[in-house]
C-alpha atoms as a PDB file:
ATOM      1  CA  MET A   1     -43.410 168.079  93.111  1.00  0.00           C
ATOM      2  CA  ARG A   2     -40.473 165.816  92.141  1.00  0.00           C
ATOM      3  CA  GLU A   3     -37.922 168.097  93.836  1.00  0.00           C
ATOM      4  CA  ASP A   4     -40.071 168.293  96.944  1.00  0.00           C
ATOM      5  CA  ARG A   5     -40.196 164.482  97.069  1.00  0.00           C
ATOM      6  CA  ARG A   6     -36.379 164.275  96.669  1.00  0.00           C
ATOM      7  CA  ARG A   7     -35.886 166.592  99.647  1.00  0.00           C
ATOM      8  CA  ARG A   8     -38.507 164.661 101.629  1.00  0.00           C
ATOM      9  CA  TYR A   9     -36.769 161.329 101.059  1.00  0.00           C
ATOM     10  CA  ASP A  10     -33.376 162.536 102.222  1.00  0.00           C
ATOM     11  CA  ASP A  11     -31.029 160.582 104.424  1.00  0.00           C
ATOM     12  CA  GLY A  12     -32.730 161.722 107.638  1.00  0.00           C
ATOM     13  CA  PHE A  13     -36.109 160.577 106.390  1.00  0.00           C
ATOM     14  CA  ARG A  14     -34.787 157.240 105.229  1.00  0.00           C
ATOM     15  CA  ARG A  15     -33.020 156.715 108.550  1.00  0.00           C
ATOM     16  CA  GLU A  16     -36.300 157.227 110.321  1.00  0.00           C
ATOM     17  CA  ALA A  17     -37.910 154.671 107.969  1.00  0.00           C
ATOM     18  CA  LEU A  18     -35.069 152.289 108.570  1.00  0.00           C
ATOM     19  CA  GLU A  19     -35.490 152.379 112.296  1.00  0.00           C
ATOM     20  CA  LEU A  20     -39.180 151.681 111.986  1.00  0.00           C
ATOM     21  CA  ILE A  21     -38.446 148.734 109.645  1.00  0.00           C
ATOM     22  CA  LYS A  22     -35.879 147.360 112.139  1.00  0.00           C
ATOM     23  CA  SER A  23     -38.457 147.570 114.887  1.00  0.00           C
ATOM     24  CA  GLY A  24     -40.716 145.308 112.905  1.00  0.00           C
ATOM     25  CA  ALA A  25     -43.108 147.817 111.350  1.00  0.00           C
ATOM     26  CA  GLY A  26     -45.112 146.415 108.405  1.00  0.00           C
ATOM     27  CA  LYS A  27     -45.834 148.208 105.219  1.00  0.00           C
ATOM     28  CA  ASP A  28     -49.153 149.631 106.400  1.00  0.00           C
ATOM     29  CA  THR A  29     -47.645 150.926 109.661  1.00  0.00           C
ATOM     30  CA  LEU A  30     -44.651 152.323 107.871  1.00  0.00           C
ATOM     31  CA  ALA A  31     -46.795 154.098 105.342  1.00  0.00           C
ATOM     32  CA  ARG A  32     -49.102 155.521 107.981  1.00  0.00           C
ATOM     33  CA  ARG A  33     -46.330 156.736 110.326  1.00  0.00           C
ATOM     34  CA  LEU A  34     -44.325 158.362 107.526  1.00  0.00           C
ATOM     35  CA  ALA A  35     -47.237 159.409 105.277  1.00  0.00           C
ATOM     36  CA  ILE A  36     -45.763 157.669 102.271  1.00  0.00           C
ATOM     37  CA  PRO A  37     -47.418 155.370  99.616  1.00  0.00           C
ATOM     38  CA  VAL A  38     -47.884 151.767 100.711  1.00  0.00           C
ATOM     39  CA  TYR A  39     -45.989 150.626  97.632  1.00  0.00           C
ATOM     40  CA  THR A  40     -42.959 152.759  98.709  1.00  0.00           C
ATOM     41  CA  ALA A  41     -43.107 151.234 102.229  1.00  0.00           C
ATOM     42  CA  ARG A  42     -43.348 147.738 100.757  1.00  0.00           C
ATOM     43  CA  ASN A  43     -40.365 148.397  98.496  1.00  0.00           C
ATOM     44  CA  TRP A  44     -38.212 149.773 101.330  1.00  0.00           C
ATOM     45  CA  ILE A  45     -39.029 146.744 103.506  1.00  0.00           C
ATOM     46  CA  GLY A  46     -38.167 144.391 100.669  1.00  0.00           C
ATOM     47  CA  LEU A  47     -34.888 146.221 100.082  1.00  0.00           C
ATOM     48  CA  TYR A  48     -34.000 145.914 103.791  1.00  0.00           C
ATOM     49  CA  ARG A  49     -34.764 142.204 103.894  1.00  0.00           C
ATOM     50  CA  SER A  50     -32.851 141.334 100.693  1.00  0.00           C
ATOM     51  CA  ASN A  51     -29.935 143.734 100.859  1.00  0.00           C
ATOM     52  CA  GLY A  52     -29.699 145.405 104.267  1.00  0.00           C
ATOM     53  CA  GLU A  53     -29.570 148.936 105.541  1.00  0.00           C
ATOM     54  CA  GLU A  54     -27.432 150.341 102.800  1.00  0.00           C
ATOM     55  CA  ALA A  55     -30.064 149.526 100.133  1.00  0.00           C
ATOM     56  CA  VAL A  56     -32.669 151.531 101.999  1.00  0.00           C
ATOM     57  CA  MET A  57     -30.346 154.457 102.640  1.00  0.00           C
ATOM     58  CA  GLY A  58     -29.109 154.346  99.050  1.00  0.00           C
ATOM     59  CA  GLY A  59     -32.582 154.513  97.511  1.00  0.00           C
ATOM     60  CA  GLY A  60     -32.658 151.089  95.963  1.00  0.00           C
ATOM     61  CA  GLY A  61     -28.915 150.501  96.085  1.00  0.00           C
ATOM     62  CA  SER A  62     -27.950 153.503  94.002  1.00  0.00           C
ATOM     63  CA  ARG A  63     -27.001 156.873  95.504  1.00  0.00           C
ATOM     64  CA  ARG A  64     -26.769 160.158  93.742  1.00  0.00           C
ATOM     65  CA  TYR A  65     -23.113 161.352  93.468  1.00  0.00           C
ATOM     66  CA  ASP A  66     -21.804 164.731  92.603  1.00  0.00           C
ATOM     67  CA  TRP A  67     -20.194 165.313  89.200  1.00  0.00           C
ATOM     68  CA  GLU A  68     -16.618 165.192  90.419  1.00  0.00           C
ATOM     69  CA  THR A  69     -17.172 161.801  92.050  1.00  0.00           C
ATOM     70  CA  LYS A  70     -18.788 160.369  88.811  1.00  0.00           C
ATOM     71  CA  VAL A  71     -15.919 161.740  86.725  1.00  0.00           C
ATOM     72  CA  ALA A  72     -13.411 160.101  88.945  1.00  0.00           C
ATOM     73  CA  ALA A  73     -15.244 156.827  88.900  1.00  0.00           C
ATOM     74  CA  ALA A  74     -15.520 157.010  85.114  1.00  0.00           C
ATOM     75  CA  ARG A  75     -11.730 157.457  84.878  1.00  0.00           C
ATOM     76  CA  ASP A  76     -11.216 154.393  87.044  1.00  0.00           C
ATOM     77  CA  TYR A  77     -13.849 152.580  85.042  1.00  0.00           C
ATOM     78  CA  VAL A  78     -12.010 153.280  81.758  1.00  0.00           C
ATOM     79  CA  GLU A  79      -8.538 152.468  83.105  1.00  0.00           C
ATOM     80  CA  ASN A  80      -9.316 149.396  85.235  1.00  0.00           C
ATOM     81  CA  GLY A  81     -12.906 148.413  84.750  1.00  0.00           C
ATOM     82  CA  LEU A  82     -14.819 145.720  83.060  1.00  0.00           C
ATOM     83  CA  THR A  83     -18.360 145.820  82.110  1.00  0.00           C
ATOM     84  CA  LYS A  84     -20.394 142.653  82.392  1.00  0.00           C
ATOM     85  CA  THR A  85     -19.417 141.787  78.798  1.00  0.00           C
ATOM     86  CA  GLU A  86     -16.445 143.937  77.810  1.00  0.00           C
ATOM     87  CA  ALA A  87     -13.438 145.860  78.855  1.00  0.00           C
ATOM     88  CA  MET A  88     -14.462 149.498  78.338  1.00  0.00           C
ATOM     89  CA  ALA A  89     -11.127 150.839  77.163  1.00  0.00           C
ATOM     90  CA  SER A  90     -10.320 148.111  74.668  1.00  0.00           C
ATOM     91  CA  LYS A  91     -13.923 147.145  73.783  1.00  0.00           C
ATOM     92  CA  GLU A  92     -12.927 143.526  74.244  1.00  0.00           C
ATOM     93  CA  ILE A  93     -15.816 141.169  75.082  1.00  0.00           C
ATOM     94  CA  VAL A  94     -14.296 139.374  78.064  1.00  0.00           C
ATOM     95  CA  ALA A  95     -17.344 137.347  79.193  1.00  0.00           C
ATOM     96  CA  TRP A  96     -20.559 136.338  77.538  1.00  0.00           C
ATOM     97  CA  ASP A  97     -23.357 133.844  77.717  1.00  0.00           C
ATOM     98  CA  VAL A  98     -26.259 132.929  75.533  1.00  0.00           C
ATOM     99  CA  SER A  99     -29.327 131.474  77.049  1.00  0.00           C
ATOM    100  CA  ARG A 100     -32.949 130.741  75.980  1.00  0.00           C
ATOM    101  CA  SER A 101     -34.073 132.714  79.011  1.00  0.00           C
ATOM    102  CA  PRO A 102     -32.428 135.235  81.426  1.00  0.00           C
ATOM    103  CA  ASP A 103     -32.417 132.910  84.436  1.00  0.00           C
ATOM    104  CA  LEU A 104     -30.200 132.728  87.451  1.00  0.00           C
ATOM    105  CA  GLY A 105     -28.177 129.928  85.802  1.00  0.00           C
ATOM    106  CA  GLN A 106     -27.025 132.332  83.175  1.00  0.00           C
ATOM    107  CA  GLN A 107     -26.140 134.956  85.740  1.00  0.00           C
ATOM    108  CA  LYS A 108     -23.987 132.469  87.562  1.00  0.00           C
ATOM    109  CA  ARG A 109     -22.119 131.400  84.359  1.00  0.00           C
ATOM    110  CA  LEU A 110     -21.247 134.988  83.427  1.00  0.00           C
ATOM    111  CA  PRO A 111     -19.150 136.002  86.444  1.00  0.00           C
ATOM    112  CA  ALA A 112     -17.547 132.488  86.473  1.00  0.00           C
ATOM    113  CA  MET A 113     -16.244 133.168  82.988  1.00  0.00           C
ATOM    114  CA  LEU A 114     -15.262 136.701  83.969  1.00  0.00           C
ATOM    115  CA  ALA A 115     -13.378 135.428  87.064  1.00  0.00           C
ATOM    116  CA  GLU A 116     -11.068 133.360  84.871  1.00  0.00           C
ATOM    117  CA  ARG A 117      -9.868 136.446  83.078  1.00  0.00           C
ATOM    118  CA  LEU A 118      -9.514 138.942  85.881  1.00  0.00           C
ATOM    119  CA  PRO A 119      -5.859 140.043  86.395  1.00  0.00           C
ATOM    120  CA  ALA A 120      -4.453 139.528  89.850  1.00  0.00           C
ATOM    121  CA  GLY A 121      -5.157 142.493  92.034  1.00  0.00           C
ATOM    122  CA  ALA A 122      -7.768 144.023  89.728  1.00  0.00           C
ATOM    123  CA  GLU A 123     -10.685 145.915  91.380  1.00  0.00           C
ATOM    124  CA  PRO A 124     -12.979 146.520  88.387  1.00  0.00           C
ATOM    125  CA  ILE A 125     -16.374 148.254  88.406  1.00  0.00           C
ATOM    126  CA  LEU A 126     -19.163 146.305  86.842  1.00  0.00           C
ATOM    127  CA  HIS A 127     -22.150 148.148  85.500  1.00  0.00           C
ATOM    128  CA  SER A 128     -25.566 146.516  85.591  1.00  0.00           C
ATOM    129  CA  ASP A 129     -28.721 148.387  84.619  1.00  0.00           C
ATOM    130  CA  MET A 130     -31.003 149.044  87.522  1.00  0.00           C
ATOM    131  CA  GLY A 131     -33.729 147.625  85.254  1.00  0.00           C
ATOM    132  CA  GLU A 132     -31.996 144.274  85.148  1.00  0.00           C
ATOM    133  CA  TRP A 133     -33.397 141.943  87.813  1.00  0.00           C
ATOM    134  CA  GLN A 134     -30.035 140.698  88.999  1.00  0.00           C
ATOM    135  CA  TYR A 135     -28.970 144.198  90.039  1.00  0.00           C
ATOM    136  CA  GLN A 136     -30.227 143.641  93.609  1.00  0.00           C
ATOM    137  CA  HIS A 137     -30.185 139.905  93.656  1.00  0.00           C
ATOM    138  CA  GLN A 138     -28.532 138.667  96.820  1.00  0.00           C
ATOM    139  CA  TRP A 139     -26.447 135.937  95.096  1.00  0.00           C
ATOM    140  CA  TRP A 140     -25.243 138.443  92.414  1.00  0.00           C
ATOM    141  CA  ARG A 141     -24.194 141.082  94.936  1.00  0.00           C
ATOM    142  CA  LYS A 142     -22.363 138.540  97.112  1.00  0.00           C
ATOM    143  CA  GLU A 143     -20.546 136.935  94.210  1.00  0.00           C
ATOM    144  CA  LEU A 144     -19.321 140.318  92.910  1.00  0.00           C
ATOM    145  CA  GLU A 145     -18.118 141.157  96.379  1.00  0.00           C
ATOM    146  CA  ARG A 146     -16.292 137.753  96.612  1.00  0.00           C
ATOM    147  CA  LEU A 147     -14.578 138.464  93.300  1.00  0.00           C
ATOM    148  CA  GLY A 148     -13.539 142.003  94.331  1.00  0.00           C
ATOM    149  CA  ILE A 149     -15.755 143.616  91.782  1.00  0.00           C
ATOM    150  CA  ARG A 150     -17.511 146.778  92.729  1.00  0.00           C
ATOM    151  CA  GLN A 151     -21.058 147.354  91.528  1.00  0.00           C
ATOM    152  CA  SER A 152     -21.721 150.433  89.525  1.00  0.00           C
ATOM    153  CA  MET A 153     -22.872 153.560  91.248  1.00  0.00           C
ATOM    154  CA  SER A 154     -25.150 154.243  88.349  1.00  0.00           C
ATOM    155  CA  ARG A 155     -28.616 155.687  88.695  1.00  0.00           C
ATOM    156  CA  LYS A 156     -31.646 155.417  86.494  1.00  0.00           C
ATOM    157  CA  GLY A 157     -31.496 157.311  83.216  1.00  0.00           C
ATOM    158  CA  ASN A 158     -27.711 157.576  83.044  1.00  0.00           C
ATOM    159  CA  CYS A 159     -27.000 156.671  79.481  1.00  0.00           C
ATOM    160  CA  LEU A 160     -23.208 157.117  79.813  1.00  0.00           C
ATOM    161  CA  ASP A 161     -22.855 153.875  81.678  1.00  0.00           C
ATOM    162  CA  ASN A 162     -24.318 151.947  78.749  1.00  0.00           C
ATOM    163  CA  ALA A 163     -22.555 153.835  75.966  1.00  0.00           C
ATOM    164  CA  ALA A 164     -19.627 151.412  75.458  1.00  0.00           C
ATOM    165  CA  ALA A 165     -21.743 148.299  75.642  1.00  0.00           C
ATOM    166  CA  GLU A 166     -24.470 149.683  73.346  1.00  0.00           C
ATOM    167  CA  GLN A 167     -21.860 150.604  70.775  1.00  0.00           C
ATOM    168  CA  VAL A 168     -20.638 147.001  70.740  1.00  0.00           C
ATOM    169  CA  PHE A 169     -24.260 145.721  70.546  1.00  0.00           C
ATOM    170  CA  GLY A 170     -24.882 148.064  67.655  1.00  0.00           C
ATOM    171  CA  HIS A 171     -21.974 146.679  65.631  1.00  0.00           C
ATOM    172  CA  LEU A 172     -22.957 143.115  66.567  1.00  0.00           C
ATOM    173  CA  LYS A 173     -26.550 143.660  65.311  1.00  0.00           C
ATOM    174  CA  ASP A 174     -25.355 145.281  62.005  1.00  0.00           C
ATOM    175  CA  GLU A 175     -22.531 142.898  61.241  1.00  0.00           C
ATOM    176  CA  PHE A 176     -23.899 139.588  62.542  1.00  0.00           C
ATOM    177  CA  TYR A 177     -27.657 139.612  63.192  1.00  0.00           C
ATOM    178  CA  ARG A 178     -29.519 142.105  61.007  1.00  0.00           C
ATOM    179  CA  GLY A 179     -31.349 140.549  58.032  1.00  0.00           C
ATOM    180  CA  ARG A 180     -30.346 136.962  58.908  1.00  0.00           C
ATOM    181  CA  VAL A 181     -32.535 133.989  59.686  1.00  0.00           C
ATOM    182  CA  PHE A 182     -31.095 131.182  61.740  1.00  0.00           C
ATOM    183  CA  ASP A 183     -32.300 127.604  61.426  1.00  0.00           C
ATOM    184  CA  SER A 184     -31.946 126.860  65.125  1.00  0.00           C
ATOM    185  CA  TYR A 185     -30.920 128.197  68.471  1.00  0.00           C
ATOM    186  CA  GLU A 186     -27.823 126.002  68.269  1.00  0.00           C
ATOM    187  CA  GLN A 187     -26.770 127.573  64.998  1.00  0.00           C
ATOM    188  CA  PHE A 188     -27.318 131.042  66.338  1.00  0.00           C
ATOM    189  CA  LYS A 189     -25.278 130.330  69.469  1.00  0.00           C
ATOM    190  CA  ARG A 190     -22.403 128.691  67.504  1.00  0.00           C
ATOM    191  CA  GLU A 191     -22.140 131.532  65.037  1.00  0.00           C
ATOM    192  CA  LEU A 192     -22.445 134.218  67.762  1.00  0.00           C
ATOM    193  CA  ASP A 193     -19.559 132.654  69.674  1.00  0.00           C
ATOM    194  CA  ALA A 194     -17.539 132.701  66.456  1.00  0.00           C
ATOM    195  CA  TYR A 195     -18.345 136.339  65.789  1.00  0.00           C
ATOM    196  CA  ILE A 196     -17.363 137.372  69.314  1.00  0.00           C
ATOM    197  CA  ILE A 197     -13.932 135.677  68.822  1.00  0.00           C
ATOM    198  CA  HIS A 198     -13.671 137.478  65.449  1.00  0.00           C
ATOM    199  CA  TRP A 199     -14.496 140.761  67.245  1.00  0.00           C
ATOM    200  CA  ASN A 200     -11.862 140.277  69.872  1.00  0.00           C
ATOM    201  CA  THR A 201      -8.993 138.883  67.774  1.00  0.00           C
ATOM    202  CA  ARG A 202      -9.399 139.911  64.137  1.00  0.00           C
ATOM    203  CA  ARG A 203     -11.672 142.975  63.731  1.00  0.00           C
ATOM    204  CA  ARG A 204      -9.381 146.045  63.708  1.00  0.00           C
ATOM    205  CA  GLN A 205     -10.816 149.380  64.851  1.00  0.00           C
ATOM    206  CA  ILE A 206      -9.816 152.912  63.982  1.00  0.00           C
ATOM    207  CA  ARG A 207     -10.469 154.095  67.587  1.00  0.00           C
ATOM    208  CA  LEU A 208      -8.039 151.469  68.840  1.00  0.00           C
ATOM    209  CA  GLU A 209      -5.368 152.833  66.516  1.00  0.00           C
ATOM    210  CA  GLY A 210      -5.896 150.079  63.993  1.00  0.00           C
ATOM    211  CA  ARG A 211      -5.593 147.268  66.545  1.00  0.00           C
ATOM    212  CA  THR A 212      -7.937 144.536  67.552  1.00  0.00           C
ATOM    213  CA  PRO A 213      -9.378 144.649  71.070  1.00  0.00           C
ATOM    214  CA  GLU A 214      -7.105 141.899  72.112  1.00  0.00           C
ATOM    215  CA  GLU A 215      -4.020 143.614  70.758  1.00  0.00           C
ATOM    216  CA  PHE A 216      -5.063 146.924  72.379  1.00  0.00           C
ATOM    217  CA  ARG A 217      -5.449 145.307  75.763  1.00  0.00           C
ATOM    218  CA  SER A 218      -2.056 143.545  75.539  1.00  0.00           C
ATOM    219  CA  MET A 219      -0.400 146.864  74.500  1.00  0.00           C
ATOM    220  CA  SER A 220      -2.012 148.732  77.358  1.00  0.00           C
ATOM    221  CA  LEU A 221      -1.002 146.225  80.001  1.00  0.00           C
ATOM    222  CA  ALA A 222       2.595 146.233  78.687  1.00  0.00           C
ATOM    223  CA  VAL A 223       2.916 149.985  79.372  1.00  0.00           C
END
């Protein structure tokens, strides 16, 4: 059933849906003409209105790529890329933000901090989970484009994209958070900022040949 649905929602099918959407078809008309669920029609119309034709053709902004393409992208990701919080090769946390809620203000502060540290001419790939609401947010997409940052080609269920970030989060929870009680949000934020600086500049790692993330980055750029 799932494989049949994948074949059914191929590029030709999506192109037909796109033409109907561009002609002004609503969700009910689109669902009836294409014999698809109304919620699918509604989602595709929403994608077109917020992100344009590519979002509909890409199945929510994320296409399926062959293995060779993903390996090549992963190599570029390791050598040149930054995640939303860290440089993947060095594990350095290059941008972070703590907020009481994951609002748009936080999402605007994060790329602003990242922009200050981007090397000239860099074209990094930034991975955002498809489950995160900013993944398709119009402001987020335009800001990354303005900064010359490519959005990840990730798809749902691809754990490899998260592996580096989750490893850092795992250390952070064990070394900083687990078993502790903070008196206030302000204390938590202050001490978390201090831990991140410690992680970047003083915490040596075997996988980085005994160097700190900051030292490993400086060595790599000097080569």
